[in-house]
Amino acid sequence: MAIVKVVEVIASSEKGVDDAVRNAVAEVSKTIRNIDSVFVKDIKAHVKDGKVTSFGVICKISFRVE
């Protein structure tokens, strides 16, 4: 039986939601190994002068404990 832990992180991108999720995984993978999955808990967009300027995501990242 594997033991799995979950960390919750916030990430953003000016390109899109997909890029924000990739940024979250890239940052977490600097210090955590064995990442298995990402659950996007929430998505938001920042707006300025009637235009979307960036996207933000709150992700739950699951990883196996060795």
N, C-alpha and C. Protein backbone atom coordinates (compact mmCIF):
# COMPACT_ATOMS: atom_id res chain seq x y z
N MET A 1 0.84 -1.17 0.00
CA MET A 1 0.00 0.00 0.00
C MET A 1 0.89 1.24 0.00
N ALA A 2 0.59 2.16 -0.88
CA ALA A 2 1.36 3.40 -0.95
C ALA A 2 0.75 4.45 -0.04
N ILE A 3 1.61 5.27 0.53
CA ILE A 3 1.16 6.41 1.31
C ILE A 3 1.28 7.64 0.43
N VAL A 4 0.20 8.40 0.35
CA VAL A 4 0.15 9.57 -0.51
C VAL A 4 -0.11 10.80 0.35
N LYS A 5 0.66 11.86 0.08
CA LYS A 5 0.44 13.15 0.76
C LYS A 5 -0.06 14.14 -0.28
N VAL A 6 -0.70 15.19 0.21
CA VAL A 6 -1.23 16.22 -0.67
C VAL A 6 -0.79 17.58 -0.15
N VAL A 7 -0.28 18.40 -1.07
CA VAL A 7 0.04 19.79 -0.74
C VAL A 7 -0.84 20.69 -1.59
N GLU A 8 -1.22 21.82 -1.03
CA GLU A 8 -2.04 22.78 -1.77
C GLU A 8 -1.17 23.97 -2.13
N VAL A 9 -1.18 24.34 -3.40
CA VAL A 9 -0.35 25.45 -3.87
C VAL A 9 -1.17 26.40 -4.74
N ILE A 10 -0.70 27.62 -4.83
CA ILE A 10 -1.31 28.64 -5.69
C ILE A 10 -0.28 29.02 -6.74
N ALA A 11 -0.70 29.08 -7.98
CA ALA A 11 0.20 29.46 -9.07
C ALA A 11 -0.54 30.35 -10.05
N SER A 12 0.22 31.06 -10.87
CA SER A 12 -0.41 31.96 -11.84
C SER A 12 0.37 31.97 -13.15
N SER A 13 -0.28 32.53 -14.16
CA SER A 13 0.35 32.66 -15.47
C SER A 13 -0.38 33.75 -16.24
N GLU A 14 0.34 34.44 -17.08
CA GLU A 14 -0.27 35.41 -17.97
C GLU A 14 -0.76 34.75 -19.25
N LYS A 15 -0.33 33.50 -19.49
CA LYS A 15 -0.67 32.79 -20.73
C LYS A 15 -2.01 32.08 -20.66
N GLY A 16 -2.29 31.41 -19.52
CA GLY A 16 -3.53 30.66 -19.42
C GLY A 16 -3.55 29.72 -18.22
N VAL A 17 -4.68 29.07 -18.05
CA VAL A 17 -4.85 28.15 -16.92
C VAL A 17 -3.90 26.97 -17.05
N ASP A 18 -3.79 26.42 -18.25
CA ASP A 18 -2.88 25.28 -18.48
C ASP A 18 -1.46 25.61 -18.05
N ASP A 19 -1.00 26.78 -18.42
CA ASP A 19 0.36 27.21 -18.06
C ASP A 19 0.49 27.42 -16.56
N ALA A 20 -0.56 27.92 -15.92
CA ALA A 20 -0.53 28.11 -14.46
C ALA A 20 -0.39 26.77 -13.75
N VAL A 21 -1.11 25.74 -14.22
CA VAL A 21 -1.00 24.40 -13.62
C VAL A 21 0.41 23.86 -13.83
N ARG A 22 0.94 24.04 -15.02
CA ARG A 22 2.32 23.58 -15.30
C ARG A 22 3.33 24.31 -14.41
N ASN A 23 3.11 25.59 -14.16
CA ASN A 23 3.99 26.35 -13.27
C ASN A 23 3.92 25.79 -11.84
N ALA A 24 2.73 25.42 -11.40
CA ALA A 24 2.57 24.85 -10.06
C ALA A 24 3.36 23.55 -9.94
N VAL A 25 3.22 22.67 -10.92
CA VAL A 25 3.93 21.39 -10.89
C VAL A 25 5.44 21.60 -10.98
N ALA A 26 5.87 22.51 -11.83
CA ALA A 26 7.31 22.77 -11.98
C ALA A 26 7.91 23.27 -10.67
N GLU A 27 7.20 24.16 -9.99
CA GLU A 27 7.73 24.72 -8.74
C GLU A 27 7.76 23.67 -7.63
N VAL A 28 6.69 22.91 -7.49
CA VAL A 28 6.64 21.88 -6.45
C VAL A 28 7.67 20.79 -6.70
N SER A 29 7.88 20.44 -7.97
CA SER A 29 8.81 19.36 -8.28
C SER A 29 10.27 19.72 -7.97
N LYS A 30 10.53 20.99 -7.65
CA LYS A 30 11.88 21.37 -7.23
C LYS A 30 12.23 20.78 -5.87
N THR A 31 11.23 20.55 -5.04
CA THR A 31 11.48 20.05 -3.68
C THR A 31 10.76 18.74 -3.36
N ILE A 32 9.83 18.33 -4.18
CA ILE A 32 9.06 17.11 -3.91
C ILE A 32 9.18 16.17 -5.10
N ARG A 33 9.45 14.90 -4.80
CA ARG A 33 9.53 13.87 -5.84
C ARG A 33 8.26 13.03 -5.84
N ASN A 34 8.13 12.17 -6.82
CA ASN A 34 7.04 11.19 -6.93
C ASN A 34 5.66 11.83 -7.05
N ILE A 35 5.56 12.95 -7.76
CA ILE A 35 4.26 13.58 -7.97
C ILE A 35 3.43 12.68 -8.87
N ASP A 36 2.20 12.39 -8.43
CA ASP A 36 1.31 11.51 -9.18
C ASP A 36 0.20 12.25 -9.91
N SER A 37 -0.37 13.28 -9.28
CA SER A 37 -1.52 13.93 -9.90
C SER A 37 -1.71 15.34 -9.38
N VAL A 38 -2.53 16.08 -10.12
CA VAL A 38 -2.88 17.45 -9.74
C VAL A 38 -4.40 17.59 -9.83
N PHE A 39 -5.00 18.10 -8.78
CA PHE A 39 -6.42 18.41 -8.77
C PHE A 39 -6.54 19.93 -8.72
N VAL A 40 -7.17 20.51 -9.73
CA VAL A 40 -7.35 21.96 -9.75
C VAL A 40 -8.60 22.28 -8.93
N LYS A 41 -8.37 22.88 -7.78
CA LYS A 41 -9.45 23.17 -6.84
C LYS A 41 -10.22 24.42 -7.23
N ASP A 42 -9.52 25.43 -7.74
CA ASP A 42 -10.18 26.69 -8.08
C ASP A 42 -9.39 27.39 -9.17
N ILE A 43 -10.11 28.15 -9.98
CA ILE A 43 -9.51 28.92 -11.07
C ILE A 43 -10.05 30.35 -10.96
N LYS A 44 -9.16 31.31 -11.17
CA LYS A 44 -9.63 32.70 -11.23
C LYS A 44 -8.82 33.46 -12.26
N ALA A 45 -9.38 34.57 -12.70
CA ALA A 45 -8.69 35.42 -13.66
C ALA A 45 -8.64 36.84 -13.10
N HIS A 46 -7.50 37.48 -13.25
CA HIS A 46 -7.35 38.87 -12.84
C HIS A 46 -7.69 39.76 -14.03
N VAL A 47 -8.46 40.81 -13.78
CA VAL A 47 -8.92 41.68 -14.85
C VAL A 47 -8.48 43.11 -14.58
N LYS A 48 -8.02 43.77 -15.65
CA LYS A 48 -7.64 45.17 -15.55
C LYS A 48 -8.14 45.88 -16.81
N ASP A 49 -8.82 46.97 -16.62
CA ASP A 49 -9.36 47.76 -17.73
C ASP A 49 -10.21 46.90 -18.68
N GLY A 50 -10.98 45.99 -18.11
CA GLY A 50 -11.88 45.16 -18.92
C GLY A 50 -11.22 44.02 -19.66
N LYS A 51 -9.94 43.75 -19.37
CA LYS A 51 -9.23 42.66 -20.05
C LYS A 51 -8.58 41.74 -19.03
N VAL A 52 -8.58 40.44 -19.34
CA VAL A 52 -7.93 39.46 -18.47
C VAL A 52 -6.43 39.65 -18.58
N THR A 53 -5.78 39.82 -17.43
CA THR A 53 -4.33 40.04 -17.42
C THR A 53 -3.55 38.81 -16.99
N SER A 54 -4.15 37.97 -16.14
CA SER A 54 -3.47 36.74 -15.72
C SER A 54 -4.50 35.77 -15.15
N PHE A 55 -4.07 34.51 -15.08
CA PHE A 55 -4.91 33.45 -14.56
C PHE A 55 -4.26 32.87 -13.31
N GLY A 56 -5.08 32.52 -12.34
CA GLY A 56 -4.57 31.91 -11.11
C GLY A 56 -5.28 30.59 -10.85
N VAL A 57 -4.55 29.64 -10.28
CA VAL A 57 -5.13 28.34 -9.93
C VAL A 57 -4.72 27.97 -8.51
N ILE A 58 -5.62 27.29 -7.84
CA ILE A 58 -5.29 26.65 -6.57
C ILE A 58 -5.31 25.16 -6.85
N CYS A 59 -4.17 24.51 -6.64
CA CYS A 59 -4.02 23.09 -6.98
C CYS A 59 -3.70 22.26 -5.74
N LYS A 60 -4.23 21.04 -5.74
CA LYS A 60 -3.84 20.04 -4.75
C LYS A 60 -2.96 19.05 -5.50
N ILE A 61 -1.70 18.98 -5.10
CA ILE A 61 -0.74 18.10 -5.77
C ILE A 61 -0.47 16.90 -4.87
N SER A 62 -0.70 15.70 -5.43
CA SER A 62 -0.52 14.44 -4.69
C SER A 62 0.81 13.81 -5.05
N PHE A 63 1.47 13.27 -4.03
CA PHE A 63 2.74 12.58 -4.27
C PHE A 63 2.90 11.40 -3.31
N ARG A 64 3.60 10.37 -3.78
CA ARG A 64 3.85 9.18 -2.98
C ARG A 64 5.02 9.40 -2.03
N VAL A 65 4.85 8.98 -0.80
CA VAL A 65 5.90 9.08 0.21
C VAL A 65 6.75 7.81 0.12
N GLU A 66 8.07 7.98 0.08
CA GLU A 66 8.96 6.83 0.01
C GLU A 66 9.14 6.18 1.35
